[in-house]
Amino acid sequence: MTAEQIASVQAYLCKRFETQKITIRPRKVADSVEVYLNDEILGLLYIDDEDKDDISYDLNISILQQDLDEV
C-alpha cells in the first residue's frame, strides 16, 4: 500500500470509529499493513487492487478467547 492509501484508510477508520487513536503501520510483508488501537494491534488490513477501477480494503480482526475471558 502506498503512503497515501494508508493515510486515507487511517483517516476513514478514525472517523468511522470516532477516535483518533487508530494508526496503521507497514509490515515487513508487503501484502498487508497492521492496524493499531492505542498501540495495541487490532488486526491486519489487506488491499484488493486486482481491478484498478475497483479497489477495496479488507480489515481482518482476530479476537482471542483469552481476551473475551478478561472482559
N, C-alpha and C. Protein backbone atom coordinates (compact mmCIF):
# COMPACT_ATOMS: atom_id res chain seq x y z
N MET A 1 0.84 -1.18 0.00
CA MET A 1 0.00 0.00 0.00
C MET A 1 0.88 1.24 0.00
N THR A 2 0.42 2.25 -0.68
CA THR A 2 1.17 3.49 -0.72
C THR A 2 0.91 4.29 0.56
N ALA A 3 1.78 5.24 0.82
CA ALA A 3 1.61 6.11 1.99
C ALA A 3 0.29 6.87 1.90
N GLU A 4 -0.09 7.27 0.71
CA GLU A 4 -1.36 7.98 0.51
C GLU A 4 -2.56 7.08 0.83
N GLN A 5 -2.51 5.83 0.38
CA GLN A 5 -3.59 4.89 0.69
C GLN A 5 -3.69 4.63 2.18
N ILE A 6 -2.54 4.46 2.83
CA ILE A 6 -2.53 4.23 4.28
C ILE A 6 -3.15 5.41 5.01
N ALA A 7 -2.76 6.62 4.65
CA ALA A 7 -3.30 7.82 5.30
C ALA A 7 -4.80 7.94 5.08
N SER A 8 -5.25 7.63 3.88
CA SER A 8 -6.67 7.72 3.56
C SER A 8 -7.50 6.71 4.37
N VAL A 9 -7.03 5.47 4.42
CA VAL A 9 -7.75 4.44 5.18
C VAL A 9 -7.70 4.75 6.67
N GLN A 10 -6.58 5.22 7.17
CA GLN A 10 -6.47 5.57 8.58
C GLN A 10 -7.47 6.68 8.94
N ALA A 11 -7.55 7.71 8.10
CA ALA A 11 -8.50 8.80 8.33
C ALA A 11 -9.94 8.28 8.33
N TYR A 12 -10.24 7.39 7.41
CA TYR A 12 -11.58 6.80 7.35
C TYR A 12 -11.90 6.04 8.62
N LEU A 13 -10.98 5.17 9.06
CA LEU A 13 -11.22 4.37 10.25
C LEU A 13 -11.39 5.24 11.49
N CYS A 14 -10.57 6.27 11.61
CA CYS A 14 -10.68 7.19 12.75
C CYS A 14 -12.04 7.87 12.76
N LYS A 15 -12.50 8.30 11.61
CA LYS A 15 -13.81 8.94 11.52
C LYS A 15 -14.92 7.94 11.80
N ARG A 16 -14.83 6.77 11.21
CA ARG A 16 -15.88 5.75 11.33
C ARG A 16 -16.04 5.27 12.77
N PHE A 17 -14.93 5.09 13.46
CA PHE A 17 -14.97 4.59 14.84
C PHE A 17 -14.89 5.72 15.87
N GLU A 18 -14.93 6.95 15.39
CA GLU A 18 -14.96 8.14 16.25
C GLU A 18 -13.83 8.17 17.27
N THR A 19 -12.62 7.94 16.77
CA THR A 19 -11.42 8.01 17.61
C THR A 19 -10.22 8.39 16.75
N GLN A 20 -9.30 9.10 17.33
CA GLN A 20 -8.05 9.45 16.65
C GLN A 20 -6.92 8.52 17.09
N LYS A 21 -7.26 7.45 17.80
CA LYS A 21 -6.25 6.56 18.37
C LYS A 21 -5.97 5.35 17.49
N ILE A 22 -6.43 5.38 16.25
CA ILE A 22 -6.16 4.30 15.30
C ILE A 22 -4.98 4.72 14.44
N THR A 23 -3.99 3.83 14.34
CA THR A 23 -2.84 4.07 13.46
C THR A 23 -2.64 2.84 12.58
N ILE A 24 -2.05 3.07 11.43
CA ILE A 24 -1.73 1.98 10.50
C ILE A 24 -0.24 2.00 10.27
N ARG A 25 0.37 0.83 10.41
CA ARG A 25 1.83 0.71 10.27
C ARG A 25 2.18 -0.35 9.24
N PRO A 26 3.18 -0.09 8.43
CA PRO A 26 3.62 -1.09 7.45
C PRO A 26 4.19 -2.33 8.15
N ARG A 27 4.19 -3.43 7.43
CA ARG A 27 4.77 -4.68 7.91
C ARG A 27 5.98 -5.02 7.04
N LYS A 28 6.74 -6.00 7.48
CA LYS A 28 7.85 -6.49 6.65
C LYS A 28 7.31 -7.22 5.43
N VAL A 29 6.12 -7.81 5.56
CA VAL A 29 5.45 -8.48 4.46
C VAL A 29 4.66 -7.43 3.69
N ALA A 30 4.81 -7.41 2.37
CA ALA A 30 4.23 -6.32 1.57
C ALA A 30 2.74 -6.48 1.29
N ASP A 31 2.14 -7.62 1.63
CA ASP A 31 0.74 -7.84 1.25
C ASP A 31 -0.27 -7.21 2.20
N SER A 32 0.17 -6.65 3.32
CA SER A 32 -0.76 -6.09 4.29
C SER A 32 -0.06 -5.08 5.20
N VAL A 33 -0.88 -4.38 5.98
CA VAL A 33 -0.38 -3.46 7.00
C VAL A 33 -1.08 -3.79 8.31
N GLU A 34 -0.50 -3.32 9.42
CA GLU A 34 -1.08 -3.58 10.73
C GLU A 34 -1.91 -2.38 11.19
N VAL A 35 -3.06 -2.65 11.77
CA VAL A 35 -3.93 -1.61 12.30
C VAL A 35 -3.84 -1.67 13.82
N TYR A 36 -3.56 -0.53 14.43
CA TYR A 36 -3.40 -0.45 15.89
C TYR A 36 -4.46 0.46 16.49
N LEU A 37 -4.87 0.13 17.70
CA LEU A 37 -5.72 0.98 18.51
C LEU A 37 -5.03 1.14 19.85
N ASN A 38 -4.66 2.38 20.17
CA ASN A 38 -3.92 2.65 21.42
C ASN A 38 -2.64 1.82 21.52
N ASP A 39 -1.90 1.72 20.45
CA ASP A 39 -0.63 0.98 20.40
C ASP A 39 -0.78 -0.53 20.63
N GLU A 40 -1.99 -1.05 20.51
CA GLU A 40 -2.22 -2.50 20.59
C GLU A 40 -2.74 -2.94 19.23
N ILE A 41 -2.16 -4.01 18.69
CA ILE A 41 -2.57 -4.45 17.36
C ILE A 41 -4.03 -4.87 17.39
N LEU A 42 -4.77 -4.34 16.42
CA LEU A 42 -6.19 -4.63 16.30
C LEU A 42 -6.42 -5.67 15.21
N GLY A 43 -5.66 -5.57 14.12
CA GLY A 43 -5.84 -6.50 13.02
C GLY A 43 -4.93 -6.18 11.85
N LEU A 44 -5.18 -6.90 10.77
CA LEU A 44 -4.41 -6.71 9.53
C LEU A 44 -5.34 -6.18 8.45
N LEU A 45 -4.81 -5.27 7.65
CA LEU A 45 -5.56 -4.67 6.57
C LEU A 45 -4.91 -5.07 5.25
N TYR A 46 -5.73 -5.62 4.36
CA TYR A 46 -5.27 -6.05 3.04
C TYR A 46 -5.92 -5.18 1.97
N ILE A 47 -5.21 -4.96 0.89
CA ILE A 47 -5.77 -4.21 -0.24
C ILE A 47 -6.05 -5.19 -1.38
N ASP A 48 -7.21 -5.02 -2.00
CA ASP A 48 -7.57 -5.79 -3.19
C ASP A 48 -7.58 -4.81 -4.36
N ASP A 49 -6.49 -4.77 -5.08
CA ASP A 49 -6.37 -3.84 -6.20
C ASP A 49 -6.16 -4.56 -7.53
N GLU A 50 -6.66 -5.78 -7.59
CA GLU A 50 -6.54 -6.56 -8.82
C GLU A 50 -7.21 -5.82 -9.98
N ASP A 51 -8.38 -5.26 -9.72
CA ASP A 51 -9.08 -4.45 -10.70
C ASP A 51 -8.83 -2.98 -10.33
N LYS A 52 -7.99 -2.30 -11.07
CA LYS A 52 -7.55 -0.94 -10.73
C LYS A 52 -8.71 0.06 -10.60
N ASP A 53 -9.85 -0.25 -11.22
CA ASP A 53 -11.00 0.65 -11.15
C ASP A 53 -11.90 0.35 -9.95
N ASP A 54 -11.63 -0.73 -9.24
CA ASP A 54 -12.50 -1.14 -8.14
C ASP A 54 -11.63 -1.64 -6.98
N ILE A 55 -10.96 -0.71 -6.29
CA ILE A 55 -10.07 -1.06 -5.18
C ILE A 55 -10.89 -1.19 -3.90
N SER A 56 -10.58 -2.20 -3.11
CA SER A 56 -11.22 -2.36 -1.81
C SER A 56 -10.17 -2.74 -0.77
N TYR A 57 -10.54 -2.53 0.49
CA TYR A 57 -9.65 -2.83 1.60
C TYR A 57 -10.37 -3.78 2.54
N ASP A 58 -9.67 -4.80 3.00
CA ASP A 58 -10.26 -5.79 3.89
C ASP A 58 -9.54 -5.76 5.23
N LEU A 59 -10.30 -5.50 6.30
CA LEU A 59 -9.76 -5.46 7.64
C LEU A 59 -10.09 -6.77 8.34
N ASN A 60 -9.05 -7.47 8.77
CA ASN A 60 -9.21 -8.75 9.44
C ASN A 60 -8.86 -8.56 10.92
N ILE A 61 -9.86 -8.72 11.78
CA ILE A 61 -9.66 -8.57 13.21
C ILE A 61 -9.81 -9.94 13.87
N SER A 62 -8.81 -10.36 14.59
CA SER A 62 -8.86 -11.62 15.32
C SER A 62 -9.11 -11.33 16.79
N ILE A 63 -10.04 -12.06 17.38
CA ILE A 63 -10.35 -11.90 18.79
C ILE A 63 -10.03 -13.22 19.49
N LEU A 64 -9.10 -13.17 20.44
CA LEU A 64 -8.71 -14.36 21.17
C LEU A 64 -9.69 -14.66 22.30
N GLN A 65 -9.93 -15.91 22.55
CA GLN A 65 -10.82 -16.30 23.64
C GLN A 65 -10.33 -15.74 24.97
N GLN A 66 -9.02 -15.73 25.17
CA GLN A 66 -8.48 -15.21 26.44
C GLN A 66 -8.81 -13.73 26.62
N ASP A 67 -8.89 -12.99 25.52
CA ASP A 67 -9.29 -11.58 25.61
C ASP A 67 -10.75 -11.45 26.03
N LEU A 68 -11.59 -12.35 25.53
CA LEU A 68 -13.00 -12.34 25.92
C LEU A 68 -13.17 -12.72 27.38
N ASP A 69 -12.34 -13.63 27.85
CA ASP A 69 -12.42 -14.07 29.25
C ASP A 69 -12.06 -12.96 30.21
N GLU A 70 -11.26 -11.98 29.75
CA GLU A 70 -10.83 -10.88 30.59
C GLU A 70 -11.89 -9.80 30.74
N VAL A 71 -12.90 -9.81 29.88
CA VAL A 71 -13.92 -8.77 29.89
C VAL A 71 -14.93 -9.02 31.00
